[in-house]
N, C-alpha and C. Protein backbone atom coordinates (compact mmCIF):
# COMPACT_ATOMS: atom_id res chain seq x y z
N MET A 1 -13.39 -18.64 -20.57
CA MET A 1 -13.71 -19.79 -21.44
C MET A 1 -13.58 -21.08 -20.65
N ARG A 2 -14.58 -21.91 -20.72
CA ARG A 2 -14.56 -23.19 -20.02
C ARG A 2 -13.69 -24.17 -20.79
N ASN A 3 -12.98 -25.01 -20.06
CA ASN A 3 -12.15 -26.03 -20.71
C ASN A 3 -12.56 -27.41 -20.20
N PRO A 4 -13.49 -28.06 -20.88
CA PRO A 4 -14.01 -29.34 -20.42
C PRO A 4 -13.19 -30.50 -20.98
N ALA A 5 -11.96 -30.64 -20.56
CA ALA A 5 -11.06 -31.64 -21.13
C ALA A 5 -11.71 -33.01 -21.12
N GLY A 6 -11.65 -33.67 -22.28
CA GLY A 6 -12.17 -35.02 -22.39
C GLY A 6 -13.64 -35.11 -22.71
N THR A 7 -14.35 -33.97 -22.74
CA THR A 7 -15.77 -33.99 -23.05
C THR A 7 -15.97 -34.12 -24.55
N ARG A 8 -16.91 -34.97 -24.96
CA ARG A 8 -17.11 -35.23 -26.38
C ARG A 8 -18.31 -34.48 -26.94
N VAL A 9 -18.16 -34.06 -28.19
CA VAL A 9 -19.29 -33.66 -29.01
C VAL A 9 -19.25 -34.54 -30.25
N HIS A 10 -20.40 -34.78 -30.84
CA HIS A 10 -20.46 -35.67 -32.00
C HIS A 10 -20.92 -34.91 -33.23
N LEU A 11 -20.16 -35.06 -34.30
CA LEU A 11 -20.45 -34.42 -35.59
C LEU A 11 -20.88 -35.49 -36.58
N ALA A 12 -22.12 -35.42 -37.04
CA ALA A 12 -22.60 -36.37 -38.04
C ALA A 12 -21.92 -36.11 -39.38
N VAL A 13 -21.50 -37.18 -40.03
CA VAL A 13 -20.88 -37.06 -41.36
C VAL A 13 -21.53 -38.07 -42.29
N TYR A 14 -21.81 -37.61 -43.51
CA TYR A 14 -22.46 -38.47 -44.50
C TYR A 14 -22.15 -37.89 -45.87
N ASP A 15 -22.33 -38.70 -46.90
CA ASP A 15 -22.06 -38.24 -48.25
C ASP A 15 -22.82 -36.95 -48.55
N SER A 16 -22.17 -36.04 -49.24
CA SER A 16 -22.69 -34.74 -49.68
C SER A 16 -22.85 -33.74 -48.55
N LEU A 17 -22.25 -33.99 -47.37
CA LEU A 17 -22.36 -33.01 -46.29
C LEU A 17 -21.73 -31.69 -46.71
N ALA A 18 -22.28 -30.59 -46.24
CA ALA A 18 -21.81 -29.24 -46.58
C ALA A 18 -20.64 -28.86 -45.68
N ASP A 19 -19.44 -28.88 -46.25
CA ASP A 19 -18.21 -28.67 -45.49
C ASP A 19 -18.20 -27.38 -44.67
N TRP A 20 -18.72 -26.30 -45.24
CA TRP A 20 -18.55 -24.96 -44.68
C TRP A 20 -19.45 -24.67 -43.48
N GLU A 21 -20.42 -25.51 -43.22
CA GLU A 21 -21.46 -25.14 -42.26
C GLU A 21 -21.09 -25.36 -40.80
N THR A 22 -20.18 -26.24 -40.51
CA THR A 22 -19.89 -26.57 -39.11
C THR A 22 -18.46 -26.28 -38.68
N GLY A 23 -17.63 -25.77 -39.59
CA GLY A 23 -16.21 -25.59 -39.29
C GLY A 23 -15.93 -24.63 -38.15
N HIS A 24 -16.64 -23.51 -38.10
CA HIS A 24 -16.43 -22.56 -37.00
C HIS A 24 -16.75 -23.21 -35.66
N ALA A 25 -17.87 -23.93 -35.62
CA ALA A 25 -18.29 -24.55 -34.36
C ALA A 25 -17.30 -25.61 -33.90
N THR A 26 -16.94 -26.53 -34.79
CA THR A 26 -16.07 -27.63 -34.37
C THR A 26 -14.66 -27.14 -34.04
N ALA A 27 -14.15 -26.15 -34.78
CA ALA A 27 -12.81 -25.63 -34.48
C ALA A 27 -12.76 -25.00 -33.11
N CYS A 28 -13.77 -24.20 -32.79
CA CYS A 28 -13.79 -23.55 -31.47
C CYS A 28 -13.98 -24.56 -30.35
N LEU A 29 -14.82 -25.55 -30.57
CA LEU A 29 -15.02 -26.57 -29.55
C LEU A 29 -13.74 -27.37 -29.30
N ALA A 30 -13.04 -27.72 -30.38
CA ALA A 30 -11.79 -28.47 -30.22
C ALA A 30 -10.76 -27.65 -29.46
N ARG A 31 -10.67 -26.37 -29.77
CA ARG A 31 -9.70 -25.51 -29.09
C ARG A 31 -10.08 -25.28 -27.63
N ALA A 32 -11.36 -25.45 -27.32
CA ALA A 32 -11.82 -25.29 -25.94
C ALA A 32 -11.67 -26.56 -25.12
N GLY A 33 -11.20 -27.64 -25.74
CA GLY A 33 -10.96 -28.87 -25.00
C GLY A 33 -11.92 -29.99 -25.27
N TYR A 34 -12.90 -29.76 -26.14
CA TYR A 34 -13.82 -30.83 -26.49
C TYR A 34 -13.18 -31.79 -27.48
N GLN A 35 -13.53 -33.05 -27.39
CA GLN A 35 -13.15 -34.04 -28.39
C GLN A 35 -14.28 -34.13 -29.41
N VAL A 36 -13.99 -33.80 -30.67
CA VAL A 36 -14.99 -33.85 -31.73
C VAL A 36 -14.90 -35.22 -32.39
N VAL A 37 -15.96 -36.01 -32.25
CA VAL A 37 -16.01 -37.36 -32.79
C VAL A 37 -16.96 -37.39 -33.99
N THR A 38 -16.48 -37.84 -35.13
CA THR A 38 -17.33 -37.94 -36.31
C THR A 38 -18.15 -39.23 -36.26
N VAL A 39 -19.41 -39.11 -36.68
CA VAL A 39 -20.35 -40.24 -36.65
C VAL A 39 -20.93 -40.44 -38.04
N GLY A 40 -20.66 -41.59 -38.64
CA GLY A 40 -21.17 -41.88 -39.97
C GLY A 40 -22.31 -42.88 -39.94
N PRO A 41 -22.97 -43.09 -41.07
CA PRO A 41 -24.02 -44.11 -41.13
C PRO A 41 -23.49 -45.49 -40.76
N GLY A 42 -22.24 -45.73 -41.10
CA GLY A 42 -21.54 -46.97 -40.76
C GLY A 42 -20.07 -46.66 -40.58
N SER A 43 -19.22 -47.61 -40.87
CA SER A 43 -17.78 -47.41 -40.71
C SER A 43 -17.08 -47.01 -42.00
N ASP A 44 -17.79 -47.00 -43.13
CA ASP A 44 -17.18 -46.66 -44.41
C ASP A 44 -16.94 -45.15 -44.51
N PRO A 45 -15.89 -44.75 -45.23
CA PRO A 45 -15.65 -43.31 -45.44
C PRO A 45 -16.81 -42.66 -46.19
N VAL A 46 -16.99 -41.37 -45.95
CA VAL A 46 -17.98 -40.57 -46.67
C VAL A 46 -17.25 -39.45 -47.39
N VAL A 47 -17.93 -38.83 -48.36
CA VAL A 47 -17.31 -37.76 -49.15
C VAL A 47 -18.21 -36.53 -49.10
N SER A 48 -17.64 -35.40 -48.71
CA SER A 48 -18.39 -34.16 -48.58
C SER A 48 -18.65 -33.52 -49.93
N ILE A 49 -19.46 -32.46 -49.95
CA ILE A 49 -19.70 -31.71 -51.17
C ILE A 49 -18.39 -31.20 -51.76
N GLY A 50 -17.47 -30.81 -50.88
CA GLY A 50 -16.19 -30.29 -51.31
C GLY A 50 -15.17 -31.35 -51.70
N GLY A 51 -15.58 -32.61 -51.68
CA GLY A 51 -14.69 -33.68 -52.09
C GLY A 51 -13.79 -34.21 -51.00
N LEU A 52 -14.02 -33.80 -49.75
CA LEU A 52 -13.21 -34.30 -48.64
C LEU A 52 -13.67 -35.72 -48.27
N ARG A 53 -12.71 -36.61 -48.15
CA ARG A 53 -13.00 -37.98 -47.76
C ARG A 53 -12.83 -38.07 -46.24
N ILE A 54 -13.88 -38.46 -45.56
CA ILE A 54 -13.90 -38.46 -44.09
C ILE A 54 -14.14 -39.88 -43.59
N GLN A 55 -13.25 -40.31 -42.72
CA GLN A 55 -13.40 -41.62 -42.09
C GLN A 55 -14.13 -41.45 -40.76
N PRO A 56 -15.36 -41.94 -40.63
CA PRO A 56 -16.07 -41.78 -39.36
C PRO A 56 -15.33 -42.43 -38.20
N GLY A 57 -15.38 -41.76 -37.07
CA GLY A 57 -14.78 -42.33 -35.87
C GLY A 57 -15.72 -43.27 -35.15
N LEU A 58 -17.00 -43.21 -35.52
CA LEU A 58 -18.03 -44.00 -34.83
C LEU A 58 -19.16 -44.24 -35.82
N ALA A 59 -19.78 -45.41 -35.73
CA ALA A 59 -20.97 -45.70 -36.53
C ALA A 59 -22.21 -45.24 -35.77
N LEU A 60 -23.22 -44.78 -36.49
CA LEU A 60 -24.42 -44.24 -35.86
C LEU A 60 -25.04 -45.24 -34.89
N GLY A 61 -25.00 -46.51 -35.22
CA GLY A 61 -25.59 -47.52 -34.35
C GLY A 61 -24.93 -47.62 -32.99
N ASP A 62 -23.72 -47.08 -32.87
CA ASP A 62 -22.99 -47.13 -31.60
C ASP A 62 -23.06 -45.82 -30.83
N LEU A 63 -23.78 -44.83 -31.37
CA LEU A 63 -23.87 -43.52 -30.72
C LEU A 63 -24.86 -43.56 -29.57
N ARG A 64 -24.44 -43.02 -28.41
CA ARG A 64 -25.30 -42.97 -27.23
C ARG A 64 -25.33 -41.54 -26.68
N PRO A 65 -26.50 -40.98 -26.44
CA PRO A 65 -26.57 -39.63 -25.88
C PRO A 65 -25.78 -39.46 -24.60
N ALA A 66 -25.73 -40.48 -23.78
CA ALA A 66 -25.02 -40.38 -22.50
C ALA A 66 -23.52 -40.13 -22.67
N ASP A 67 -23.00 -40.42 -23.86
CA ASP A 67 -21.57 -40.25 -24.12
C ASP A 67 -21.25 -38.91 -24.77
N SER A 68 -22.22 -38.02 -24.84
CA SER A 68 -22.05 -36.81 -25.64
C SER A 68 -22.55 -35.57 -24.91
N SER A 69 -21.99 -34.42 -25.30
CA SER A 69 -22.49 -33.12 -24.84
C SER A 69 -23.34 -32.44 -25.90
N LEU A 70 -23.23 -32.91 -27.17
CA LEU A 70 -23.94 -32.26 -28.26
C LEU A 70 -23.85 -33.13 -29.51
N LEU A 71 -24.93 -33.17 -30.29
CA LEU A 71 -24.93 -33.78 -31.61
C LEU A 71 -25.09 -32.68 -32.65
N ILE A 72 -24.15 -32.59 -33.60
CA ILE A 72 -24.19 -31.57 -34.65
C ILE A 72 -24.56 -32.25 -35.97
N LEU A 73 -25.57 -31.71 -36.64
CA LEU A 73 -26.04 -32.26 -37.91
C LEU A 73 -25.86 -31.22 -39.01
N PRO A 74 -24.88 -31.40 -39.90
CA PRO A 74 -24.72 -30.47 -41.02
C PRO A 74 -25.73 -30.74 -42.12
N GLY A 75 -25.87 -29.77 -43.01
CA GLY A 75 -26.70 -29.97 -44.18
C GLY A 75 -26.03 -30.92 -45.15
N ALA A 76 -26.81 -31.43 -46.10
CA ALA A 76 -26.31 -32.33 -47.13
C ALA A 76 -27.39 -32.49 -48.18
N ASP A 77 -26.99 -32.73 -49.43
CA ASP A 77 -27.97 -32.98 -50.47
C ASP A 77 -28.88 -34.16 -50.12
N LEU A 78 -28.32 -35.13 -49.40
CA LEU A 78 -29.08 -36.34 -49.09
C LEU A 78 -30.30 -36.09 -48.21
N TRP A 79 -30.30 -34.98 -47.46
CA TRP A 79 -31.47 -34.71 -46.61
C TRP A 79 -32.73 -34.55 -47.45
N ASP A 80 -32.58 -34.09 -48.69
CA ASP A 80 -33.75 -33.85 -49.54
C ASP A 80 -33.87 -34.86 -50.68
N ALA A 81 -33.10 -35.92 -50.60
CA ALA A 81 -33.08 -36.89 -51.70
C ALA A 81 -33.70 -38.23 -51.35
N GLY A 82 -34.32 -38.32 -50.19
CA GLY A 82 -34.90 -39.59 -49.76
C GLY A 82 -34.78 -39.75 -48.27
N ASP A 83 -34.80 -40.98 -47.81
CA ASP A 83 -34.82 -41.26 -46.37
C ASP A 83 -33.49 -41.78 -45.83
N ASP A 84 -32.43 -41.66 -46.61
CA ASP A 84 -31.14 -42.22 -46.18
C ASP A 84 -30.67 -41.65 -44.85
N LEU A 85 -30.97 -40.37 -44.61
CA LEU A 85 -30.47 -39.73 -43.38
C LEU A 85 -31.51 -39.69 -42.26
N ALA A 86 -32.66 -40.29 -42.49
CA ALA A 86 -33.69 -40.32 -41.45
C ALA A 86 -33.18 -40.91 -40.13
N PRO A 87 -32.28 -41.92 -40.16
CA PRO A 87 -31.77 -42.43 -38.88
C PRO A 87 -31.05 -41.37 -38.05
N PHE A 88 -30.45 -40.37 -38.70
CA PHE A 88 -29.81 -39.29 -37.95
C PHE A 88 -30.85 -38.39 -37.29
N ALA A 89 -31.98 -38.18 -37.95
CA ALA A 89 -33.07 -37.42 -37.33
C ALA A 89 -33.63 -38.18 -36.13
N ARG A 90 -33.72 -39.49 -36.25
CA ARG A 90 -34.18 -40.29 -35.11
C ARG A 90 -33.17 -40.23 -33.96
N ALA A 91 -31.89 -40.19 -34.30
CA ALA A 91 -30.86 -40.05 -33.26
C ALA A 91 -31.01 -38.70 -32.56
N ALA A 92 -31.34 -37.66 -33.33
CA ALA A 92 -31.56 -36.35 -32.73
C ALA A 92 -32.71 -36.40 -31.73
N ARG A 93 -33.77 -37.12 -32.08
CA ARG A 93 -34.89 -37.28 -31.13
C ARG A 93 -34.42 -37.97 -29.84
N ALA A 94 -33.60 -39.00 -29.99
CA ALA A 94 -33.11 -39.71 -28.80
C ALA A 94 -32.26 -38.78 -27.94
N PHE A 95 -31.45 -37.95 -28.56
CA PHE A 95 -30.63 -36.99 -27.81
C PHE A 95 -31.52 -36.02 -27.06
N LEU A 96 -32.46 -35.42 -27.74
CA LEU A 96 -33.32 -34.43 -27.10
C LEU A 96 -34.16 -35.06 -26.00
N ASP A 97 -34.64 -36.26 -26.22
CA ASP A 97 -35.40 -36.96 -25.18
C ASP A 97 -34.55 -37.22 -23.94
N ALA A 98 -33.23 -37.39 -24.15
CA ALA A 98 -32.31 -37.65 -23.05
C ALA A 98 -31.78 -36.36 -22.42
N GLY A 99 -32.21 -35.21 -22.94
CA GLY A 99 -31.75 -33.94 -22.41
C GLY A 99 -30.40 -33.49 -22.92
N VAL A 100 -29.94 -34.09 -24.02
CA VAL A 100 -28.66 -33.72 -24.62
C VAL A 100 -28.95 -32.87 -25.86
N PRO A 101 -28.34 -31.69 -25.99
CA PRO A 101 -28.71 -30.79 -27.08
C PRO A 101 -28.28 -31.28 -28.46
N VAL A 102 -28.95 -30.71 -29.46
CA VAL A 102 -28.71 -31.00 -30.87
C VAL A 102 -28.60 -29.68 -31.61
N ALA A 103 -27.70 -29.61 -32.58
CA ALA A 103 -27.55 -28.42 -33.43
C ALA A 103 -27.67 -28.85 -34.88
N ALA A 104 -28.63 -28.27 -35.61
CA ALA A 104 -28.88 -28.66 -37.00
C ALA A 104 -28.86 -27.43 -37.89
N ILE A 105 -28.24 -27.56 -39.05
CA ILE A 105 -28.13 -26.43 -39.97
C ILE A 105 -28.54 -26.89 -41.37
N CYS A 106 -29.12 -25.96 -42.13
CA CYS A 106 -29.45 -26.17 -43.54
C CYS A 106 -30.39 -27.38 -43.70
N GLY A 107 -30.06 -28.31 -44.58
CA GLY A 107 -30.93 -29.43 -44.88
C GLY A 107 -31.26 -30.30 -43.69
N ALA A 108 -30.40 -30.29 -42.68
CA ALA A 108 -30.69 -31.09 -41.48
C ALA A 108 -31.94 -30.59 -40.77
N THR A 109 -32.24 -29.29 -40.91
CA THR A 109 -33.46 -28.78 -40.28
C THR A 109 -34.70 -29.41 -40.92
N ALA A 110 -34.63 -29.66 -42.24
CA ALA A 110 -35.77 -30.32 -42.90
C ALA A 110 -35.92 -31.75 -42.41
N GLY A 111 -34.80 -32.42 -42.17
CA GLY A 111 -34.87 -33.76 -41.62
C GLY A 111 -35.51 -33.78 -40.26
N LEU A 112 -35.19 -32.78 -39.43
CA LEU A 112 -35.81 -32.71 -38.10
C LEU A 112 -37.28 -32.32 -38.20
N ALA A 113 -37.61 -31.50 -39.19
CA ALA A 113 -39.03 -31.16 -39.39
C ALA A 113 -39.83 -32.41 -39.72
N ARG A 114 -39.30 -33.24 -40.60
CA ARG A 114 -40.00 -34.48 -40.96
C ARG A 114 -40.14 -35.41 -39.76
N GLU A 115 -39.19 -35.33 -38.84
CA GLU A 115 -39.23 -36.16 -37.64
C GLU A 115 -40.17 -35.60 -36.58
N GLY A 116 -40.69 -34.39 -36.81
CA GLY A 116 -41.61 -33.77 -35.86
C GLY A 116 -40.94 -33.00 -34.75
N LEU A 117 -39.63 -32.79 -34.85
CA LEU A 117 -38.90 -32.15 -33.76
C LEU A 117 -39.00 -30.63 -33.77
N LEU A 118 -39.54 -30.05 -34.83
CA LEU A 118 -39.70 -28.60 -34.90
C LEU A 118 -41.14 -28.16 -34.68
N ASP A 119 -42.03 -29.10 -34.45
CA ASP A 119 -43.45 -28.76 -34.29
C ASP A 119 -43.70 -27.90 -33.06
N ASP A 120 -42.94 -28.13 -32.00
CA ASP A 120 -43.19 -27.46 -30.72
C ASP A 120 -42.02 -26.62 -30.24
N ARG A 121 -41.11 -26.27 -31.15
CA ARG A 121 -39.95 -25.44 -30.79
C ARG A 121 -39.81 -24.29 -31.78
N ASP A 122 -39.42 -23.12 -31.28
CA ASP A 122 -39.03 -22.06 -32.19
C ASP A 122 -37.82 -22.53 -33.00
N HIS A 123 -37.76 -22.14 -34.27
CA HIS A 123 -36.70 -22.64 -35.14
C HIS A 123 -36.56 -21.75 -36.36
N THR A 124 -35.48 -21.97 -37.11
CA THR A 124 -35.29 -21.29 -38.38
C THR A 124 -34.63 -22.27 -39.35
N SER A 125 -34.42 -21.81 -40.58
CA SER A 125 -33.81 -22.64 -41.61
C SER A 125 -33.43 -21.74 -42.78
N ALA A 126 -33.30 -22.32 -43.97
CA ALA A 126 -32.98 -21.53 -45.16
C ALA A 126 -34.11 -20.56 -45.50
N ALA A 127 -35.35 -21.04 -45.36
CA ALA A 127 -36.54 -20.24 -45.64
C ALA A 127 -37.76 -20.97 -45.10
N ALA A 128 -38.77 -20.21 -44.74
CA ALA A 128 -39.99 -20.83 -44.22
C ALA A 128 -40.61 -21.78 -45.24
N SER A 129 -40.57 -21.40 -46.52
CA SER A 129 -41.16 -22.23 -47.55
C SER A 129 -40.44 -23.56 -47.72
N TYR A 130 -39.13 -23.55 -47.45
CA TYR A 130 -38.35 -24.79 -47.54
C TYR A 130 -38.85 -25.81 -46.53
N LEU A 131 -39.07 -25.38 -45.30
CA LEU A 131 -39.57 -26.32 -44.29
C LEU A 131 -41.04 -26.65 -44.52
N ALA A 132 -41.80 -25.68 -45.01
CA ALA A 132 -43.23 -25.94 -45.25
C ALA A 132 -43.42 -27.08 -46.24
N ALA A 133 -42.48 -27.22 -47.17
CA ALA A 133 -42.58 -28.28 -48.18
C ALA A 133 -42.47 -29.68 -47.58
N THR A 134 -41.99 -29.77 -46.33
CA THR A 134 -41.91 -31.08 -45.67
C THR A 134 -43.26 -31.53 -45.16
N GLY A 135 -44.23 -30.60 -45.07
CA GLY A 135 -45.54 -30.92 -44.53
C GLY A 135 -45.59 -30.95 -43.02
N TYR A 136 -44.58 -30.38 -42.37
CA TYR A 136 -44.54 -30.43 -40.91
C TYR A 136 -45.59 -29.53 -40.29
N ALA A 137 -45.78 -29.68 -38.98
CA ALA A 137 -46.85 -28.95 -38.29
C ALA A 137 -46.33 -27.76 -37.50
N GLY A 138 -45.07 -27.38 -37.71
CA GLY A 138 -44.48 -26.33 -36.89
C GLY A 138 -44.30 -24.99 -37.56
N ALA A 139 -44.98 -24.74 -38.67
CA ALA A 139 -44.77 -23.50 -39.41
C ALA A 139 -44.99 -22.26 -38.56
N GLY A 140 -45.89 -22.34 -37.61
CA GLY A 140 -46.17 -21.19 -36.75
C GLY A 140 -45.04 -20.85 -35.80
N ARG A 141 -44.09 -21.75 -35.65
CA ARG A 141 -42.94 -21.51 -34.77
C ARG A 141 -41.69 -21.07 -35.53
N TYR A 142 -41.83 -20.86 -36.86
CA TYR A 142 -40.69 -20.44 -37.67
C TYR A 142 -40.33 -19.00 -37.35
N VAL A 143 -39.02 -18.72 -37.20
CA VAL A 143 -38.53 -17.39 -36.88
C VAL A 143 -37.58 -16.93 -37.98
N GLU A 144 -37.81 -15.74 -38.51
CA GLU A 144 -36.93 -15.17 -39.54
C GLU A 144 -35.74 -14.51 -38.87
N THR A 145 -34.70 -15.30 -38.64
CA THR A 145 -33.48 -14.78 -38.01
C THR A 145 -32.32 -15.69 -38.39
N ASP A 146 -31.11 -15.34 -37.93
CA ASP A 146 -29.93 -16.09 -38.38
C ASP A 146 -29.82 -17.47 -37.75
N ALA A 147 -30.15 -17.59 -36.48
CA ALA A 147 -30.07 -18.87 -35.77
C ALA A 147 -30.96 -18.80 -34.55
N VAL A 148 -31.49 -19.95 -34.15
CA VAL A 148 -32.43 -20.02 -33.03
C VAL A 148 -32.05 -21.17 -32.12
N THR A 149 -32.18 -20.94 -30.81
CA THR A 149 -32.03 -22.02 -29.83
C THR A 149 -33.31 -22.10 -29.02
N ASP A 150 -33.90 -23.28 -28.97
CA ASP A 150 -35.12 -23.48 -28.18
C ASP A 150 -35.22 -24.95 -27.79
N GLY A 151 -35.47 -25.19 -26.53
CA GLY A 151 -35.68 -26.56 -26.06
C GLY A 151 -34.50 -27.48 -26.32
N GLY A 152 -33.28 -26.94 -26.20
CA GLY A 152 -32.08 -27.75 -26.41
C GLY A 152 -31.75 -28.00 -27.87
N LEU A 153 -32.44 -27.32 -28.78
CA LEU A 153 -32.22 -27.51 -30.22
C LEU A 153 -31.82 -26.20 -30.88
N ILE A 154 -30.69 -26.23 -31.57
CA ILE A 154 -30.21 -25.09 -32.35
C ILE A 154 -30.52 -25.34 -33.82
N THR A 155 -31.04 -24.31 -34.49
CA THR A 155 -31.27 -24.40 -35.94
C THR A 155 -30.73 -23.15 -36.61
N ALA A 156 -30.30 -23.32 -37.87
CA ALA A 156 -29.79 -22.20 -38.66
C ALA A 156 -29.89 -22.56 -40.13
N GLY A 157 -29.81 -21.53 -40.98
CA GLY A 157 -29.82 -21.73 -42.42
C GLY A 157 -28.41 -21.86 -42.97
N PRO A 158 -28.27 -22.22 -44.24
CA PRO A 158 -26.97 -22.54 -44.82
C PRO A 158 -26.02 -21.36 -44.93
N THR A 159 -26.54 -20.14 -44.91
CA THR A 159 -25.67 -18.96 -45.03
C THR A 159 -25.23 -18.42 -43.68
N GLU A 160 -25.51 -19.13 -42.60
CA GLU A 160 -25.23 -18.61 -41.27
C GLU A 160 -24.33 -19.53 -40.43
N PRO A 161 -23.20 -19.98 -40.94
CA PRO A 161 -22.35 -20.86 -40.14
C PRO A 161 -21.77 -20.18 -38.90
N VAL A 162 -21.56 -18.86 -38.96
CA VAL A 162 -21.00 -18.15 -37.81
C VAL A 162 -22.07 -17.99 -36.72
N ALA A 163 -23.28 -17.62 -37.11
CA ALA A 163 -24.37 -17.53 -36.13
C ALA A 163 -24.68 -18.90 -35.54
N PHE A 164 -24.61 -19.92 -36.36
CA PHE A 164 -24.80 -21.30 -35.88
C PHE A 164 -23.76 -21.63 -34.81
N ALA A 165 -22.50 -21.31 -35.09
CA ALA A 165 -21.44 -21.56 -34.11
C ALA A 165 -21.64 -20.72 -32.86
N ARG A 166 -22.08 -19.48 -33.01
CA ARG A 166 -22.34 -18.63 -31.84
C ARG A 166 -23.32 -19.30 -30.90
N GLU A 167 -24.40 -19.87 -31.45
CA GLU A 167 -25.39 -20.53 -30.59
C GLU A 167 -24.82 -21.78 -29.93
N VAL A 168 -23.98 -22.52 -30.63
CA VAL A 168 -23.32 -23.69 -30.05
C VAL A 168 -22.41 -23.27 -28.90
N LEU A 169 -21.61 -22.24 -29.12
CA LEU A 169 -20.68 -21.78 -28.09
C LEU A 169 -21.42 -21.23 -26.88
N ARG A 170 -22.54 -20.55 -27.14
CA ARG A 170 -23.35 -20.04 -26.03
C ARG A 170 -23.97 -21.18 -25.23
N LEU A 171 -24.55 -22.14 -25.95
CA LEU A 171 -25.26 -23.24 -25.29
C LEU A 171 -24.32 -24.06 -24.40
N LEU A 172 -23.11 -24.30 -24.87
CA LEU A 172 -22.16 -25.10 -24.10
C LEU A 172 -21.31 -24.27 -23.15
N GLY A 173 -21.50 -22.96 -23.13
CA GLY A 173 -20.79 -22.10 -22.20
C GLY A 173 -19.33 -21.91 -22.53
N VAL A 174 -18.95 -22.11 -23.81
CA VAL A 174 -17.56 -21.90 -24.20
C VAL A 174 -17.21 -20.43 -24.14
N TYR A 175 -18.05 -19.58 -24.71
CA TYR A 175 -17.93 -18.13 -24.60
C TYR A 175 -19.25 -17.59 -24.08
N GLU A 176 -19.15 -16.47 -23.35
CA GLU A 176 -20.35 -15.83 -22.81
C GLU A 176 -20.21 -14.32 -22.88
N GLY A 177 -21.32 -13.63 -22.75
CA GLY A 177 -21.32 -12.19 -22.62
C GLY A 177 -20.55 -11.45 -23.69
N GLU A 178 -19.70 -10.52 -23.26
CA GLU A 178 -18.97 -9.67 -24.21
C GLU A 178 -17.96 -10.46 -25.02
N VAL A 179 -17.48 -11.58 -24.48
CA VAL A 179 -16.52 -12.39 -25.21
C VAL A 179 -17.22 -13.08 -26.38
N LEU A 180 -18.40 -13.62 -26.15
CA LEU A 180 -19.17 -14.24 -27.23
C LEU A 180 -19.53 -13.20 -28.28
N ASP A 181 -19.94 -12.03 -27.82
CA ASP A 181 -20.28 -10.95 -28.74
C ASP A 181 -19.06 -10.56 -29.59
N ALA A 182 -17.90 -10.48 -28.95
CA ALA A 182 -16.68 -10.12 -29.68
C ALA A 182 -16.31 -11.20 -30.69
N TRP A 183 -16.44 -12.45 -30.30
CA TRP A 183 -16.14 -13.54 -31.23
C TRP A 183 -17.03 -13.43 -32.47
N TYR A 184 -18.31 -13.18 -32.27
CA TYR A 184 -19.23 -13.07 -33.40
C TYR A 184 -18.89 -11.86 -34.27
N ARG A 185 -18.60 -10.73 -33.64
CA ARG A 185 -18.28 -9.54 -34.42
C ARG A 185 -17.00 -9.73 -35.23
N LEU A 186 -16.05 -10.46 -34.69
CA LEU A 186 -14.80 -10.69 -35.42
C LEU A 186 -15.03 -11.58 -36.64
N TYR A 187 -15.69 -12.70 -36.44
CA TYR A 187 -15.80 -13.68 -37.52
C TYR A 187 -16.98 -13.44 -38.46
N HIS A 188 -17.99 -12.70 -38.00
CA HIS A 188 -19.12 -12.40 -38.86
C HIS A 188 -19.00 -11.03 -39.53
N ASP A 189 -18.52 -10.06 -38.75
CA ASP A 189 -18.50 -8.68 -39.23
C ASP A 189 -17.10 -8.17 -39.55
N SER A 190 -16.07 -8.99 -39.34
CA SER A 190 -14.67 -8.58 -39.56
C SER A 190 -14.33 -7.32 -38.77
N ASP A 191 -14.83 -7.25 -37.54
CA ASP A 191 -14.58 -6.12 -36.64
C ASP A 191 -13.23 -6.34 -35.95
N ALA A 192 -12.22 -5.62 -36.38
CA ALA A 192 -10.87 -5.81 -35.84
C ALA A 192 -10.79 -5.48 -34.36
N GLN A 193 -11.62 -4.57 -33.89
CA GLN A 193 -11.58 -4.20 -32.48
C GLN A 193 -12.00 -5.36 -31.58
N ALA A 194 -12.78 -6.26 -32.12
CA ALA A 194 -13.23 -7.40 -31.33
C ALA A 194 -12.08 -8.35 -31.01
N TYR A 195 -11.04 -8.33 -31.83
CA TYR A 195 -9.91 -9.24 -31.62
C TYR A 195 -9.24 -9.00 -30.28
N ALA A 196 -9.11 -7.73 -29.88
CA ALA A 196 -8.47 -7.41 -28.60
C ALA A 196 -9.26 -7.96 -27.42
N VAL A 197 -10.59 -7.95 -27.53
CA VAL A 197 -11.43 -8.51 -26.47
C VAL A 197 -11.17 -10.00 -26.32
N LEU A 198 -11.07 -10.70 -27.43
CA LEU A 198 -10.80 -12.13 -27.39
C LEU A 198 -9.42 -12.43 -26.84
N GLN A 199 -8.45 -11.64 -27.22
CA GLN A 199 -7.07 -11.87 -26.72
C GLN A 199 -7.01 -11.67 -25.21
N ARG A 200 -7.69 -10.68 -24.69
CA ARG A 200 -7.70 -10.48 -23.23
C ARG A 200 -8.36 -11.65 -22.54
N ALA A 201 -9.45 -12.16 -23.12
CA ALA A 201 -10.16 -13.28 -22.52
C ALA A 201 -9.30 -14.53 -22.52
N ARG A 202 -8.55 -14.77 -23.59
CA ARG A 202 -7.70 -15.96 -23.68
C ARG A 202 -6.50 -15.87 -22.76
N ALA A 203 -6.11 -14.66 -22.38
CA ALA A 203 -4.94 -14.48 -21.52
C ALA A 203 -5.27 -14.69 -20.05
N ARG A 204 -6.54 -14.75 -19.73
CA ARG A 204 -6.93 -14.90 -18.32
C ARG A 204 -6.63 -16.29 -17.80
């Protein structure tokens, strides 16, 4: 397991964000030595679907791709309620243009579809019809699977937080090979035998 002490990843936070979708990813990244910095629309607190009040550590206007290893975009009701979160989709474009990866799950994938970021990349989401409703031009690149990584962009649907985290951990090199496979089997499949593989890896 790589330990990139002091390296930052940025987690977007906004009202109605889906609490359950990014917890596996951010917990593993923090334990691996990454600093997880929350990024809000501004400096005011936001409230998640689960009622958690979150104080952003950074305002979106101050976010720079050069200061980050990854931008994580969780789902939220607001992605489908108007254009309030469109600035986060534009930030994702800036990250990808700068060669810094982005990970989007659930409603955030629709926001990226509207931004045109899924037109030329393989991707997935909650359902093909959900993204088709955005009018985007990338329907031919939709993949029916748990999570997809293509062109520095990770996508997943709302029921796949563990697969989403797997792709994040793979992309950043936190876990690899049999260790990544064991991590997924433990947290997705409740495979107790996978725990021993992880313990051996952590003891190295």
